[in-house]
PDB file of N, CA and C in Angstrom:
ATOM      1  N   MET A   1      69.732 101.057 101.422  1.00  0.00           N
ATOM      2  CA  MET A   1      71.204 101.507 101.641  1.00  0.00           C
ATOM      3  C   MET A   1      71.280 102.272 103.017  1.00  0.00           C
ATOM      4  N   GLU A   2      72.370 101.858 103.469  1.00  0.00           N
ATOM      5  CA  GLU A   2      72.432 102.726 104.683  1.00  0.00           C
ATOM      6  C   GLU A   2      73.627 103.742 104.354  1.00  0.00           C
ATOM      7  N   LEU A   3      73.759 105.108 104.686  1.00  0.00           N
ATOM      8  CA  LEU A   3      74.366 106.145 104.588  1.00  0.00           C
ATOM      9  C   LEU A   3      74.770 106.636 105.676  1.00  0.00           C
ATOM     10  N   ARG A   4      76.127 106.655 106.211  1.00  0.00           N
ATOM     11  CA  ARG A   4      76.355 107.187 107.820  1.00  0.00           C
ATOM     12  C   ARG A   4      77.717 107.334 107.913  1.00  0.00           C
ATOM     13  N   ARG A   5      77.987 108.236 108.931  1.00  0.00           N
ATOM     14  CA  ARG A   5      79.430 108.260 109.254  1.00  0.00           C
ATOM     15  C   ARG A   5      80.183 106.903 109.500  1.00  0.00           C
ATOM     16  N   ILE A   6      81.572 106.796 109.261  1.00  0.00           N
ATOM     17  CA  ILE A   6      82.016 105.714 109.226  1.00  0.00           C
ATOM     18  C   ILE A   6      82.409 105.260 110.982  1.00  0.00           C
ATOM     19  N   GLU A   7      82.369 104.052 110.962  1.00  0.00           N
ATOM     20  CA  GLU A   7      82.570 103.574 112.650  1.00  0.00           C
ATOM     21  C   GLU A   7      84.127 102.943 112.511  1.00  0.00           C
ATOM     22  N   SER A   8      84.579 103.119 113.629  1.00  0.00           N
ATOM     23  CA  SER A   8      86.193 102.584 113.761  1.00  0.00           C
ATOM     24  C   SER A   8      86.110 100.903 113.098  1.00  0.00           C
ATOM     25  N   THR A   9      85.122 100.377 113.698  1.00  0.00           N
ATOM     26  CA  THR A   9      85.167  99.032 113.252  1.00  0.00           C
ATOM     27  C   THR A   9      84.952  98.545 111.440  1.00  0.00           C
ATOM     28  N   GLU A  10      84.674  99.876 110.716  1.00  0.00           N
ATOM     29  CA  GLU A  10      84.661  99.695 109.159  1.00  0.00           C
ATOM     30  C   GLU A  10      85.829 100.583 108.549  1.00  0.00           C
ATOM     31  N   LEU A  11      87.018 100.688 109.419  1.00  0.00           N
ATOM     32  CA  LEU A  11      88.214 101.169 108.574  1.00  0.00           C
ATOM     33  C   LEU A  11      89.070 100.282 107.768  1.00  0.00           C
ATOM     34  N   GLY A  12      89.104  99.230 108.240  1.00  0.00           N
ATOM     35  CA  GLY A  12      89.584  98.161 107.488  1.00  0.00           C
ATOM     36  C   GLY A  12      89.114  97.842 106.308  1.00  0.00           C
ATOM     37  N   ALA A  13      87.777  97.691 106.381  1.00  0.00           N
ATOM     38  CA  ALA A  13      87.184  97.606 104.583  1.00  0.00           C
ATOM     39  C   ALA A  13      87.075  98.598 103.830  1.00  0.00           C
ATOM     40  N   VAL A  14      87.140 100.056 104.459  1.00  0.00           N
ATOM     41  CA  VAL A  14      86.960 100.962 103.663  1.00  0.00           C
ATOM     42  C   VAL A  14      88.583 101.232 103.079  1.00  0.00           C
ATOM     43  N   TYR A  15      89.287 100.647 103.843  1.00  0.00           N
ATOM     44  CA  TYR A  15      90.888 100.937 103.517  1.00  0.00           C
ATOM     45  C   TYR A  15      90.946 100.023 102.380  1.00  0.00           C
ATOM     46  N   GLU A  16      90.663  98.871 102.228  1.00  0.00           N
ATOM     47  CA  GLU A  16      90.895  97.764 101.469  1.00  0.00           C
ATOM     48  C   GLU A  16      89.898  98.012  99.974  1.00  0.00           C
ATOM     49  N   LEU A  17      88.735  98.840 100.427  1.00  0.00           N
ATOM     50  CA  LEU A  17      87.977  99.352  99.217  1.00  0.00           C
ATOM     51  C   LEU A  17      88.831 100.432  98.435  1.00  0.00           C
ATOM     52  N   LEU A  18      89.402 101.302  98.919  1.00  0.00           N
ATOM     53  CA  LEU A  18      90.243 102.198  98.607  1.00  0.00           C
ATOM     54  C   LEU A  18      91.327 101.564  97.602  1.00  0.00           C
ATOM     55  N   ALA A  19      92.186 100.941  98.347  1.00  0.00           N
ATOM     56  CA  ALA A  19      93.368 100.145  97.709  1.00  0.00           C
ATOM     57  C   ALA A  19      93.153  99.390  96.612  1.00  0.00           C
ATOM     58  N   ALA A  20      91.997  98.809  96.285  1.00  0.00           N
ATOM     59  CA  ALA A  20      91.570  97.931  95.571  1.00  0.00           C
ATOM     60  C   ALA A  20      90.989  98.651  94.201  1.00  0.00           C
ATOM     61  N   ASN A  21      90.564  99.857  94.339  1.00  0.00           N
ATOM     62  CA  ASN A  21      90.352 100.914  93.478  1.00  0.00           C
ATOM     63  C   ASN A  21      91.172 102.170  93.181  1.00  0.00           C
ATOM     64  N   GLY A  22      92.515 101.927  93.000  1.00  0.00           N
ATOM     65  CA  GLY A  22      93.521 102.836  92.814  1.00  0.00           C
ATOM     66  C   GLY A  22      93.772 103.863  93.538  1.00  0.00           C
ATOM     67  N   TRP A  23      93.922 103.791  94.741  1.00  0.00           N
ATOM     68  CA  TRP A  23      93.808 105.078  95.874  1.00  0.00           C
ATOM     69  C   TRP A  23      95.303 104.857  96.617  1.00  0.00           C
ATOM     70  N   GLN A  24      96.343 103.847  96.327  1.00  0.00           N
ATOM     71  CA  GLN A  24      97.329 103.329  96.990  1.00  0.00           C
ATOM     72  C   GLN A  24      98.055 104.645  97.162  1.00  0.00           C
ATOM     73  N   HIS A  25      98.113 105.445  96.011  1.00  0.00           N
ATOM     74  CA  HIS A  25      99.281 106.568  96.082  1.00  0.00           C
ATOM     75  C   HIS A  25      98.547 107.754  97.096  1.00  0.00           C
ATOM     76  N   ARG A  26      97.413 107.793  97.269  1.00  0.00           N
ATOM     77  CA  ARG A  26      96.989 108.818  98.513  1.00  0.00           C
ATOM     78  C   ARG A  26      96.892 108.127  99.780  1.00  0.00           C
ATOM     79  N   ILE A  27      96.971 106.663  99.860  1.00  0.00           N
ATOM     80  CA  ILE A  27      97.152 106.236 101.532  1.00  0.00           C
ATOM     81  C   ILE A  27      98.281 105.239 101.279  1.00  0.00           C
ATOM     82  N   ALA A  28      99.361 105.804 101.603  1.00  0.00           N
ATOM     83  CA  ALA A  28     100.407 105.033 101.896  1.00  0.00           C
ATOM     84  C   ALA A  28     100.544 103.771 102.917  1.00  0.00           C
ATOM     85  N   SER A  29      99.448 103.936 103.966  1.00  0.00           N
ATOM     86  CA  SER A  29      99.310 102.804 104.883  1.00  0.00           C
ATOM     87  C   SER A  29      98.197 103.014 105.477  1.00  0.00           C
ATOM     88  N   TYR A  30      97.824 101.936 106.251  1.00  0.00           N
ATOM     89  CA  TYR A  30      96.261 101.755 107.071  1.00  0.00           C
ATOM     90  C   TYR A  30      96.264 102.929 108.151  1.00  0.00           C
ATOM     91  N   GLU A  31      97.504 103.148 108.557  1.00  0.00           N
ATOM     92  CA  GLU A  31      97.753 104.159 109.862  1.00  0.00           C
ATOM     93  C   GLU A  31      97.610 105.574 109.432  1.00  0.00           C
ATOM     94  N   GLN A  32      97.920 105.579 108.270  1.00  0.00           N
ATOM     95  CA  GLN A  32      97.953 106.868 107.623  1.00  0.00           C
ATOM     96  C   GLN A  32      96.443 107.150 107.068  1.00  0.00           C
ATOM     97  N   PHE A  33      95.729 106.290 106.486  1.00  0.00           N
ATOM     98  CA  PHE A  33      94.174 106.132 106.544  1.00  0.00           C
ATOM     99  C   PHE A  33      93.245 106.922 107.558  1.00  0.00           C
ATOM    100  N   THR A  34      93.733 106.063 108.568  1.00  0.00           N
ATOM    101  CA  THR A  34      93.260 106.065 109.813  1.00  0.00           C
ATOM    102  C   THR A  34      93.172 107.599 110.507  1.00  0.00           C
ATOM    103  N   GLU A  35      94.154 108.255 110.272  1.00  0.00           N
ATOM    104  CA  GLU A  35      94.812 109.605 110.448  1.00  0.00           C
ATOM    105  C   GLU A  35      93.764 110.796 109.670  1.00  0.00           C
ATOM    106  N   LEU A  36      93.665 110.154 108.294  1.00  0.00           N
ATOM    107  CA  LEU A  36      93.053 111.109 107.743  1.00  0.00           C
ATOM    108  C   LEU A  36      91.571 111.138 108.156  1.00  0.00           C
ATOM    109  N   VAL A  37      91.244 109.967 108.094  1.00  0.00           N
ATOM    110  CA  VAL A  37      89.768 110.028 108.496  1.00  0.00           C
ATOM    111  C   VAL A  37      89.641 110.834 109.841  1.00  0.00           C
ATOM    112  N   ALA A  38      90.377 110.397 110.919  1.00  0.00           N
ATOM    113  CA  ALA A  38      89.764 111.491 112.139  1.00  0.00           C
ATOM    114  C   ALA A  38      90.255 112.773 111.934  1.00  0.00           C
ATOM    115  N   ALA A  39      90.982 113.175 111.118  1.00  0.00           N
ATOM    116  CA  ALA A  39      91.134 114.712 110.650  1.00  0.00           C
ATOM    117  C   ALA A  39      90.107 115.211 110.038  1.00  0.00           C
ATOM    118  N   SER A  40      89.157 114.474 109.227  1.00  0.00           N
ATOM    119  CA  SER A  40      88.223 114.766 108.277  1.00  0.00           C
ATOM    120  C   SER A  40      86.753 115.269 109.114  1.00  0.00           C
ATOM    121  N   GLN A  41      86.134 116.339 108.452  1.00  0.00           N
ATOM    122  CA  GLN A  41      84.898 116.684 109.208  1.00  0.00           C
ATOM    123  C   GLN A  41      83.674 115.742 108.888  1.00  0.00           C
ATOM    124  N   ILE A  42      84.089 115.112 107.207  1.00  0.00           N
ATOM    125  CA  ILE A  42      82.966 114.188 106.549  1.00  0.00           C
ATOM    126  C   ILE A  42      83.924 113.114 106.280  1.00  0.00           C
ATOM    127  N   ALA A  43      83.174 111.684 106.549  1.00  0.00           N
ATOM    128  CA  ALA A  43      83.816 110.413 106.172  1.00  0.00           C
ATOM    129  C   ALA A  43      82.592 109.517 106.368  1.00  0.00           C
ATOM    130  N   ASN A  44      81.954 109.176 105.550  1.00  0.00           N
ATOM    131  CA  ASN A  44      80.627 108.506 105.551  1.00  0.00           C
ATOM    132  C   ASN A  44      81.228 107.146 104.534  1.00  0.00           C
ATOM    133  N   VAL A  45      79.973 106.352 104.741  1.00  0.00           N
ATOM    134  CA  VAL A  45      80.338 105.179 104.086  1.00  0.00           C
ATOM    135  C   VAL A  45      78.787 104.698 103.635  1.00  0.00           C
ATOM    136  N   ALA A  46      78.693 103.783 102.441  1.00  0.00           N
ATOM    137  CA  ALA A  46      77.672 103.259 102.149  1.00  0.00           C
ATOM    138  C   ALA A  46      77.765 101.725 102.337  1.00  0.00           C
ATOM    139  N   LYS A  47      76.382 101.430 102.727  1.00  0.00           N
ATOM    140  CA  LYS A  47      76.641  99.998 103.074  1.00  0.00           C
ATOM    141  C   LYS A  47      75.232  99.417 102.489  1.00  0.00           C
ATOM    142  N   ILE A  48      75.416  97.863 102.090  1.00  0.00           N
ATOM    143  CA  ILE A  48      74.143  97.075 101.605  1.00  0.00           C
ATOM    144  C   ILE A  48      74.213  95.877 102.227  1.00  0.00           C
ATOM    145  N   GLU A  49      73.646  95.601 102.624  1.00  0.00           N
ATOM    146  CA  GLU A  49      73.598  94.278 103.569  1.00  0.00           C
ATOM    147  C   GLU A  49      74.556  94.044 104.280  1.00  0.00           C
ATOM    148  N   GLY A  50      75.240  94.949 105.127  1.00  0.00           N
ATOM    149  CA  GLY A  50      76.217  94.957 106.205  1.00  0.00           C
ATOM    150  C   GLY A  50      77.718  95.175 105.344  1.00  0.00           C
ATOM    151  N   CYS A  51      77.734  95.202 103.778  1.00  0.00           N
ATOM    152  CA  CYS A  51      78.879  95.395 103.375  1.00  0.00           C
ATOM    153  C   CYS A  51      79.113  96.761 103.000  1.00  0.00           C
ATOM    154  N   VAL A  52      80.338  97.217 103.097  1.00  0.00           N
ATOM    155  CA  VAL A  52      80.825  98.590 102.741  1.00  0.00           C
ATOM    156  C   VAL A  52      80.810  98.523 101.165  1.00  0.00           C
ATOM    157  N   VAL A  53      80.093  99.453 100.562  1.00  0.00           N
ATOM    158  CA  VAL A  53      80.304  99.673  98.925  1.00  0.00           C
ATOM    159  C   VAL A  53      80.523 100.735  98.394  1.00  0.00           C
ATOM    160  N   GLY A  54      80.677 101.986  99.367  1.00  0.00           N
ATOM    161  CA  GLY A  54      81.138 102.926  99.320  1.00  0.00           C
ATOM    162  C   GLY A  54      81.546 104.064 100.142  1.00  0.00           C
ATOM    163  N   PHE A  55      82.516 105.013 100.042  1.00  0.00           N
ATOM    164  CA  PHE A  55      82.937 105.867 100.883  1.00  0.00           C
ATOM    165  C   PHE A  55      83.126 107.306 100.112  1.00  0.00           C
ATOM    166  N   VAL A  56      83.068 108.457 101.140  1.00  0.00           N
ATOM    167  CA  VAL A  56      83.478 109.598 100.681  1.00  0.00           C
ATOM    168  C   VAL A  56      83.923 110.681 102.006  1.00  0.00           C
ATOM    169  N   ARG A  57      84.909 111.011 101.551  1.00  0.00           N
ATOM    170  CA  ARG A  57      85.727 112.041 102.623  1.00  0.00           C
ATOM    171  C   ARG A  57      85.557 113.391 102.311  1.00  0.00           C
ATOM    172  N   GLY A  58      85.704 114.343 103.090  1.00  0.00           N
ATOM    173  CA  GLY A  58      85.421 115.639 103.063  1.00  0.00           C
ATOM    174  C   GLY A  58      86.114 116.660 104.251  1.00  0.00           C
ATOM    175  N   ILE A  59      86.722 117.782 104.002  1.00  0.00           N
ATOM    176  CA  ILE A  59      87.160 118.625 104.742  1.00  0.00           C
ATOM    177  C   ILE A  59      86.414 119.717 104.526  1.00  0.00           C
ATOM    178  N   THR A  60      85.809 120.375 105.521  1.00  0.00           N
ATOM    179  CA  THR A  60      85.205 121.903 105.452  1.00  0.00           C
ATOM    180  C   THR A  60      85.194 122.838 106.418  1.00  0.00           C
ATOM    181  N   ASP A  61      85.215 123.949 106.816  1.00  0.00           N
ATOM    182  CA  ASP A  61      85.042 124.793 107.774  1.00  0.00           C
ATOM    183  C   ASP A  61      83.586 125.166 107.928  1.00  0.00           C
ATOM    184  N   GLY A  62      82.508 124.365 107.337  1.00  0.00           N
ATOM    185  CA  GLY A  62      81.236 123.990 107.045  1.00  0.00           C
ATOM    186  C   GLY A  62      80.674 125.748 107.143  1.00  0.00           C
ATOM    187  N   LEU A  63      81.486 126.692 106.971  1.00  0.00           N
ATOM    188  CA  LEU A  63      80.627 128.018 106.614  1.00  0.00           C
ATOM    189  C   LEU A  63      80.735 128.385 105.047  1.00  0.00           C
ATOM    190  N   SER A  64      81.819 128.430 104.817  1.00  0.00           N
ATOM    191  CA  SER A  64      82.411 128.961 103.338  1.00  0.00           C
ATOM    192  C   SER A  64      83.134 127.943 102.302  1.00  0.00           C
ATOM    193  N   ASN A  65      84.057 127.290 102.692  1.00  0.00           N
ATOM    194  CA  ASN A  65      84.677 126.367 101.984  1.00  0.00           C
ATOM    195  C   ASN A  65      84.727 125.032 102.298  1.00  0.00           C
ATOM    196  N   GLY A  66      84.598 123.881 101.081  1.00  0.00           N
ATOM    197  CA  GLY A  66      84.824 122.531 101.471  1.00  0.00           C
ATOM    198  C   GLY A  66      85.788 121.810 100.573  1.00  0.00           C
ATOM    199  N   TYR A  67      86.173 120.673 100.877  1.00  0.00           N
ATOM    200  CA  TYR A  67      86.900 120.020  99.846  1.00  0.00           C
ATOM    201  C   TYR A  67      86.487 118.434 100.005  1.00  0.00           C
ATOM    202  N   LEU A  68      86.008 117.972  98.595  1.00  0.00           N
ATOM    203  CA  LEU A  68      85.554 116.536  98.763  1.00  0.00           C
ATOM    204  C   LEU A  68      86.834 115.837  98.479  1.00  0.00           C
ATOM    205  N   SER A  69      87.038 114.618  98.907  1.00  0.00           N
ATOM    206  CA  SER A  69      87.892 113.860  98.287  1.00  0.00           C
ATOM    207  C   SER A  69      87.559 112.563  98.590  1.00  0.00           C
ATOM    208  N   MET A  70      88.358 111.591  97.904  1.00  0.00           N
ATOM    209  CA  MET A  70      88.023 110.138  98.133  1.00  0.00           C
ATOM    210  C   MET A  70      86.623 109.372  97.774  1.00  0.00           C
ATOM    211  N   VAL A  71      86.242 110.158  97.080  1.00  0.00           N
ATOM    212  CA  VAL A  71      84.896 109.345  96.589  1.00  0.00           C
ATOM    213  C   VAL A  71      85.017 107.986  95.543  1.00  0.00           C
ATOM    214  N   VAL A  72      84.653 106.829  96.271  1.00  0.00           N
ATOM    215  CA  VAL A  72      84.990 105.797  95.818  1.00  0.00           C
ATOM    216  C   VAL A  72      83.488 104.864  95.847  1.00  0.00           C
ATOM    217  N   VAL A  73      83.166 103.915  95.327  1.00  0.00           N
ATOM    218  CA  VAL A  73      82.512 102.815  95.008  1.00  0.00           C
ATOM    219  C   VAL A  73      82.778 101.530  94.286  1.00  0.00           C
ATOM    220  N   ALA A  74      82.681 100.509  95.129  1.00  0.00           N
ATOM    221  CA  ALA A  74      82.976  99.293  94.605  1.00  0.00           C
ATOM    222  C   ALA A  74      82.189  99.037  93.158  1.00  0.00           C
ATOM    223  N   PRO A  75      83.227  98.288  92.234  1.00  0.00           N
ATOM    224  CA  PRO A  75      82.819  98.388  90.992  1.00  0.00           C
ATOM    225  C   PRO A  75      81.312  97.643  90.374  1.00  0.00           C
ATOM    226  N   ASP A  76      81.395  96.656  91.250  1.00  0.00           N
ATOM    227  CA  ASP A  76      79.838  96.060  91.475  1.00  0.00           C
ATOM    228  C   ASP A  76      78.704  96.711  91.625  1.00  0.00           C
ATOM    229  N   TYR A  77      78.860  97.964  92.232  1.00  0.00           N
ATOM    230  CA  TYR A  77      77.898  98.489  92.815  1.00  0.00           C
ATOM    231  C   TYR A  77      77.787  99.941  92.001  1.00  0.00           C
ATOM    232  N   ARG A  78      78.448 100.354  91.205  1.00  0.00           N
ATOM    233  CA  ARG A  78      78.431 101.408  90.133  1.00  0.00           C
ATOM    234  C   ARG A  78      77.377 101.596  89.248  1.00  0.00           C
ATOM    235  N   GLY A  79      76.654 102.685  89.205  1.00  0.00           N
ATOM    236  CA  GLY A  79      75.635 102.841  88.133  1.00  0.00           C
ATOM    237  C   GLY A  79      74.448 102.722  89.051  1.00  0.00           C
ATOM    238  N   ARG A  80      74.286 102.627  90.305  1.00  0.00           N
ATOM    239  CA  ARG A  80      73.121 102.616  90.912  1.00  0.00           C
ATOM    240  C   ARG A  80      72.665 103.706  91.611  1.00  0.00           C
ATOM    241  N   GLY A  81      73.323 104.882  91.487  1.00  0.00           N
ATOM    242  CA  GLY A  81      73.074 105.974  92.417  1.00  0.00           C
ATOM    243  C   GLY A  81      73.914 106.215  93.592  1.00  0.00           C
ATOM    244  N   ILE A  82      74.774 105.268  93.683  1.00  0.00           N
ATOM    245  CA  ILE A  82      75.455 105.128  95.406  1.00  0.00           C
ATOM    246  C   ILE A  82      76.243 106.315  95.382  1.00  0.00           C
ATOM    247  N   GLY A  83      77.324 106.621  94.187  1.00  0.00           N
ATOM    248  CA  GLY A  83      77.894 107.804  94.484  1.00  0.00           C
ATOM    249  C   GLY A  83      77.487 109.062  94.519  1.00  0.00           C
ATOM    250  N   ARG A  84      76.283 109.254  93.880  1.00  0.00           N
ATOM    251  CA  ARG A  84      75.450 110.478  94.081  1.00  0.00           C
ATOM    252  C   ARG A  84      74.957 110.624  95.297  1.00  0.00           C
ATOM    253  N   GLN A  85      74.355 109.612  95.718  1.00  0.00           N
ATOM    254  CA  GLN A  85      74.000 109.880  97.091  1.00  0.00           C
ATOM    255  C   GLN A  85      75.136 110.062  98.276  1.00  0.00           C
ATOM    256  N   LEU A  86      76.179 109.669  98.143  1.00  0.00           N
ATOM    257  CA  LEU A  86      77.424 109.756  98.906  1.00  0.00           C
ATOM    258  C   LEU A  86      77.766 111.317  98.949  1.00  0.00           C
ATOM    259  N   VAL A  87      77.848 111.837  97.455  1.00  0.00           N
ATOM    260  CA  VAL A  87      78.616 113.295  97.332  1.00  0.00           C
ATOM    261  C   VAL A  87      76.976 114.256  97.867  1.00  0.00           C
ATOM    262  N   GLU A  88      76.010 113.684  97.573  1.00  0.00           N
ATOM    263  CA  GLU A  88      74.953 114.874  98.096  1.00  0.00           C
ATOM    264  C   GLU A  88      74.750 114.870  99.455  1.00  0.00           C
ATOM    265  N   HIS A  89      74.568 113.578 100.116  1.00  0.00           N
ATOM    266  CA  HIS A  89      74.873 113.499 101.592  1.00  0.00           C
ATOM    267  C   HIS A  89      75.995 114.419 102.168  1.00  0.00           C
ATOM    268  N   ALA A  90      77.203 114.185 101.492  1.00  0.00           N
ATOM    269  CA  ALA A  90      78.415 115.279 102.180  1.00  0.00           C
ATOM    270  C   ALA A  90      78.408 116.501 101.959  1.00  0.00           C
ATOM    271  N   ILE A  91      77.552 116.671 100.759  1.00  0.00           N
ATOM    272  CA  ILE A  91      77.988 118.414 100.547  1.00  0.00           C
ATOM    273  C   ILE A  91      76.403 119.404 101.042  1.00  0.00           C
ATOM    274  N   SER A  92      75.443 118.590 101.766  1.00  0.00           N
ATOM    275  CA  SER A  92      74.424 119.068 101.931  1.00  0.00           C
ATOM    276  C   SER A  92      74.233 119.841 103.210  1.00  0.00           C
ATOM    277  N   THR A  93      75.495 119.741 103.927  1.00  0.00           N
ATOM    278  CA  THR A  93      75.575 120.323 105.172  1.00  0.00           C
ATOM    279  C   THR A  93      75.201 121.889 105.211  1.00  0.00           C
ATOM    280  N   ASP A  94      75.728 122.829 104.197  1.00  0.00           N
ATOM    281  CA  ASP A  94      75.136 124.115 104.241  1.00  0.00           C
ATOM    282  C   ASP A  94      75.392 124.768 102.900  1.00  0.00           C
ATOM    283  N   GLN A  95      74.491 125.241 101.979  1.00  0.00           N
ATOM    284  CA  GLN A  95      74.303 125.621 100.946  1.00  0.00           C
ATOM    285  C   GLN A  95      75.336 126.812 100.452  1.00  0.00           C
ATOM    286  N   ARG A  96      75.664 127.332 101.589  1.00  0.00           N
ATOM    287  CA  ARG A  96      76.839 128.700 101.544  1.00  0.00           C
ATOM    288  C   ARG A  96      78.075 128.202 101.398  1.00  0.00           C
ATOM    289  N   VAL A  97      78.447 126.696 101.384  1.00  0.00           N
ATOM    290  CA  VAL A  97      79.802 126.219 101.531  1.00  0.00           C
ATOM    291  C   VAL A  97      80.016 126.229  99.721  1.00  0.00           C
ATOM    292  N   THR A  98      81.131 126.379  99.455  1.00  0.00           N
ATOM    293  CA  THR A  98      81.658 126.162  98.071  1.00  0.00           C
ATOM    294  C   THR A  98      82.300 124.857  97.844  1.00  0.00           C
ATOM    295  N   TRP A  99      82.237 124.213  97.317  1.00  0.00           N
ATOM    296  CA  TRP A  99      82.708 122.732  97.258  1.00  0.00           C
ATOM    297  C   TRP A  99      83.683 122.640  96.015  1.00  0.00           C
ATOM    298  N   VAL A 100      84.920 122.299  96.454  1.00  0.00           N
ATOM    299  CA  VAL A 100      86.074 121.820  95.433  1.00  0.00           C
ATOM    300  C   VAL A 100      86.528 120.401  95.357  1.00  0.00           C
ATOM    301  N   LEU A 101      87.135 120.129  94.266  1.00  0.00           N
ATOM    302  CA  LEU A 101      87.496 118.757  94.437  1.00  0.00           C
ATOM    303  C   LEU A 101      88.533 118.414  93.097  1.00  0.00           C
ATOM    304  N   ARG A 102      89.387 117.261  92.970  1.00  0.00           N
ATOM    305  CA  ARG A 102      90.025 117.144  91.755  1.00  0.00           C
ATOM    306  C   ARG A 102      89.445 116.165  91.060  1.00  0.00           C
ATOM    307  N   ALA A 103      89.249 116.261  89.810  1.00  0.00           N
ATOM    308  CA  ALA A 103      88.207 115.258  89.027  1.00  0.00           C
ATOM    309  C   ALA A 103      89.179 114.610  87.761  1.00  0.00           C
ATOM    310  N   GLY A 104      90.337 114.223  88.268  1.00  0.00           N
ATOM    311  CA  GLY A 104      91.553 113.399  87.423  1.00  0.00           C
ATOM    312  C   GLY A 104      91.178 112.173  86.986  1.00  0.00           C
ATOM    313  N   ARG A 105      90.082 111.249  87.599  1.00  0.00           N
ATOM    314  CA  ARG A 105      89.746 110.168  87.274  1.00  0.00           C
ATOM    315  C   ARG A 105      89.282 109.819  86.282  1.00  0.00           C
ATOM    316  N   GLU A 106      89.090 108.912  85.503  1.00  0.00           N
ATOM    317  CA  GLU A 106      88.652 108.446  84.513  1.00  0.00           C
ATOM    318  C   GLU A 106      87.058 108.332  84.727  1.00  0.00           C
ATOM    319  N   GLY A 107      86.248 109.402  84.236  1.00  0.00           N
ATOM    320  CA  GLY A 107      84.512 109.354  84.246  1.00  0.00           C
ATOM    321  C   GLY A 107      84.240 110.298  85.514  1.00  0.00           C
ATOM    322  N   ALA A 108      85.341 110.801  85.836  1.00  0.00           N
ATOM    323  CA  ALA A 108      84.998 111.982  87.288  1.00  0.00           C
ATOM    324  C   ALA A 108      84.295 113.175  86.873  1.00  0.00           C
ATOM    325  N   SER A 109      85.039 113.607  85.711  1.00  0.00           N
ATOM    326  CA  SER A 109      84.417 115.126  85.294  1.00  0.00           C
ATOM    327  C   SER A 109      82.779 115.120  84.817  1.00  0.00           C
ATOM    328  N   GLU A 110      82.505 113.820  83.823  1.00  0.00           N
ATOM    329  CA  GLU A 110      81.187 113.772  83.687  1.00  0.00           C
ATOM    330  C   GLU A 110      80.274 113.223  85.147  1.00  0.00           C
ATOM    331  N   PHE A 111      80.807 112.569  86.042  1.00  0.00           N
ATOM    332  CA  PHE A 111      80.107 112.305  87.193  1.00  0.00           C
ATOM    333  C   PHE A 111      80.032 113.339  88.019  1.00  0.00           C
ATOM    334  N   PHE A 112      81.246 114.434  88.257  1.00  0.00           N
ATOM    335  CA  PHE A 112      80.606 115.333  89.134  1.00  0.00           C
ATOM    336  C   PHE A 112      79.829 116.520  88.360  1.00  0.00           C
ATOM    337  N   SER A 113      80.003 116.667  86.974  1.00  0.00           N
ATOM    338  CA  SER A 113      79.432 117.604  86.389  1.00  0.00           C
ATOM    339  C   SER A 113      77.640 117.535  86.308  1.00  0.00           C
ATOM    340  N   LYS A 114      77.133 116.107  86.647  1.00  0.00           N
ATOM    341  CA  LYS A 114      75.912 115.844  86.539  1.00  0.00           C
ATOM    342  C   LYS A 114      75.326 116.237  88.120  1.00  0.00           C
ATOM    343  N   LEU A 115      76.430 116.522  89.116  1.00  0.00           N
ATOM    344  CA  LEU A 115      76.033 117.183  90.345  1.00  0.00           C
ATOM    345  C   LEU A 115      75.921 118.419  90.472  1.00  0.00           C
ATOM    346  N   GLY A 116      76.321 119.366  89.631  1.00  0.00           N
ATOM    347  CA  GLY A 116      76.258 120.704  89.683  1.00  0.00           C
ATOM    348  C   GLY A 116      78.049 121.183  89.655  1.00  0.00           C
ATOM    349  N   PHE A 117      78.840 120.319  89.659  1.00  0.00           N
ATOM    350  CA  PHE A 117      80.324 120.752  89.856  1.00  0.00           C
ATOM    351  C   PHE A 117      80.644 121.350  88.488  1.00  0.00           C
ATOM    352  N   GLU A 118      81.478 122.424  88.436  1.00  0.00           N
ATOM    353  CA  GLU A 118      81.830 123.051  86.906  1.00  0.00           C
ATOM    354  C   GLU A 118      83.139 123.312  87.281  1.00  0.00           C
ATOM    355  N   PHE A 119      83.972 123.410  86.049  1.00  0.00           N
ATOM    356  CA  PHE A 119      85.243 123.531  85.941  1.00  0.00           C
ATOM    357  C   PHE A 119      85.820 124.715  86.300  1.00  0.00           C
ATOM    358  N   SER A 120      86.796 125.096  86.889  1.00  0.00           N
ATOM    359  CA  SER A 120      87.275 126.711  87.363  1.00  0.00           C
ATOM    360  C   SER A 120      88.287 126.817  86.840  1.00  0.00           C
ATOM    361  N   SER A 121      88.712 128.072  86.305  1.00  0.00           N
ATOM    362  CA  SER A 121      89.707 128.636  86.095  1.00  0.00           C
ATOM    363  C   SER A 121      90.632 129.390  86.898  1.00  0.00           C
ATOM    364  N   ILE A 122      90.478 129.337  88.027  1.00  0.00           N
ATOM    365  CA  ILE A 122      90.809 130.312  88.948  1.00  0.00           C
ATOM    366  C   ILE A 122      91.333 129.500  90.144  1.00  0.00           C
ATOM    367  N   ALA A 123      91.325 128.181  90.172  1.00  0.00           N
ATOM    368  CA  ALA A 123      92.102 127.387  91.108  1.00  0.00           C
ATOM    369  C   ALA A 123      93.364 127.073  90.952  1.00  0.00           C
ATOM    370  N   MET A 124      94.362 126.956  92.016  1.00  0.00           N
ATOM    371  CA  MET A 124      95.630 126.704  91.750  1.00  0.00           C
ATOM    372  C   MET A 124      95.898 125.671  93.074  1.00  0.00           C
ATOM    373  N   GLU A 125      96.913 124.897  92.960  1.00  0.00           N
ATOM    374  CA  GLU A 125      97.426 123.827  93.279  1.00  0.00           C
ATOM    375  C   GLU A 125      99.102 123.728  93.589  1.00  0.00           C
ATOM    376  N   ARG A 126      99.211 123.445  94.831  1.00  0.00           N
ATOM    377  CA  ARG A 126     100.576 123.145  95.109  1.00  0.00           C
ATOM    378  C   ARG A 126     100.590 121.601  95.674  1.00  0.00           C
ATOM    379  N   ARG A 127     101.349 120.843  94.897  1.00  0.00           N
ATOM    380  CA  ARG A 127     101.215 119.405  94.524  1.00  0.00           C
ATOM    381  C   ARG A 127     102.248 118.862  96.086  1.00  0.00           C
ATOM    382  N   ARG A 128     101.969 117.533  96.683  1.00  0.00           N
ATOM    383  CA  ARG A 128     102.900 117.341  97.603  1.00  0.00           C
ATOM    384  C   ARG A 128     104.308 116.725  96.860  1.00  0.00           C
ATOM    385  N   ARG A 129     104.942 116.626  97.707  1.00  0.00           N
ATOM    386  CA  ARG A 129     106.278 116.388  97.368  1.00  0.00           C
ATOM    387  C   ARG A 129     106.777 114.985  97.823  1.00  0.00           C
TER     388      ARG A 129
END
């Protein structure tokens, strides 16, 4: 498996992967998705035999705080450790960074718990309108 920063030629494939896996409410258009990637410090793909099978996006100051977003693996490739590798690679930049995320999708709590994430009672959220 190849794991690395997304390239511009892969934006379409990643957009389709996200749209096919329930992310339409977060990415209203291809143009918005490309803007999100451009504004993200972390935007990595997982590829097998030249095909994009996973994606992770993250925002961080690299020193203290990070937000992990858009972790997705194609259904036929789930259960192979690809999501784990994407997350571990994304958050490995500095152990001083506290990473947060939203774990509202089915199975997300269990998945992220196995990677050391814990529920917090101090987080607050202001949802988009």
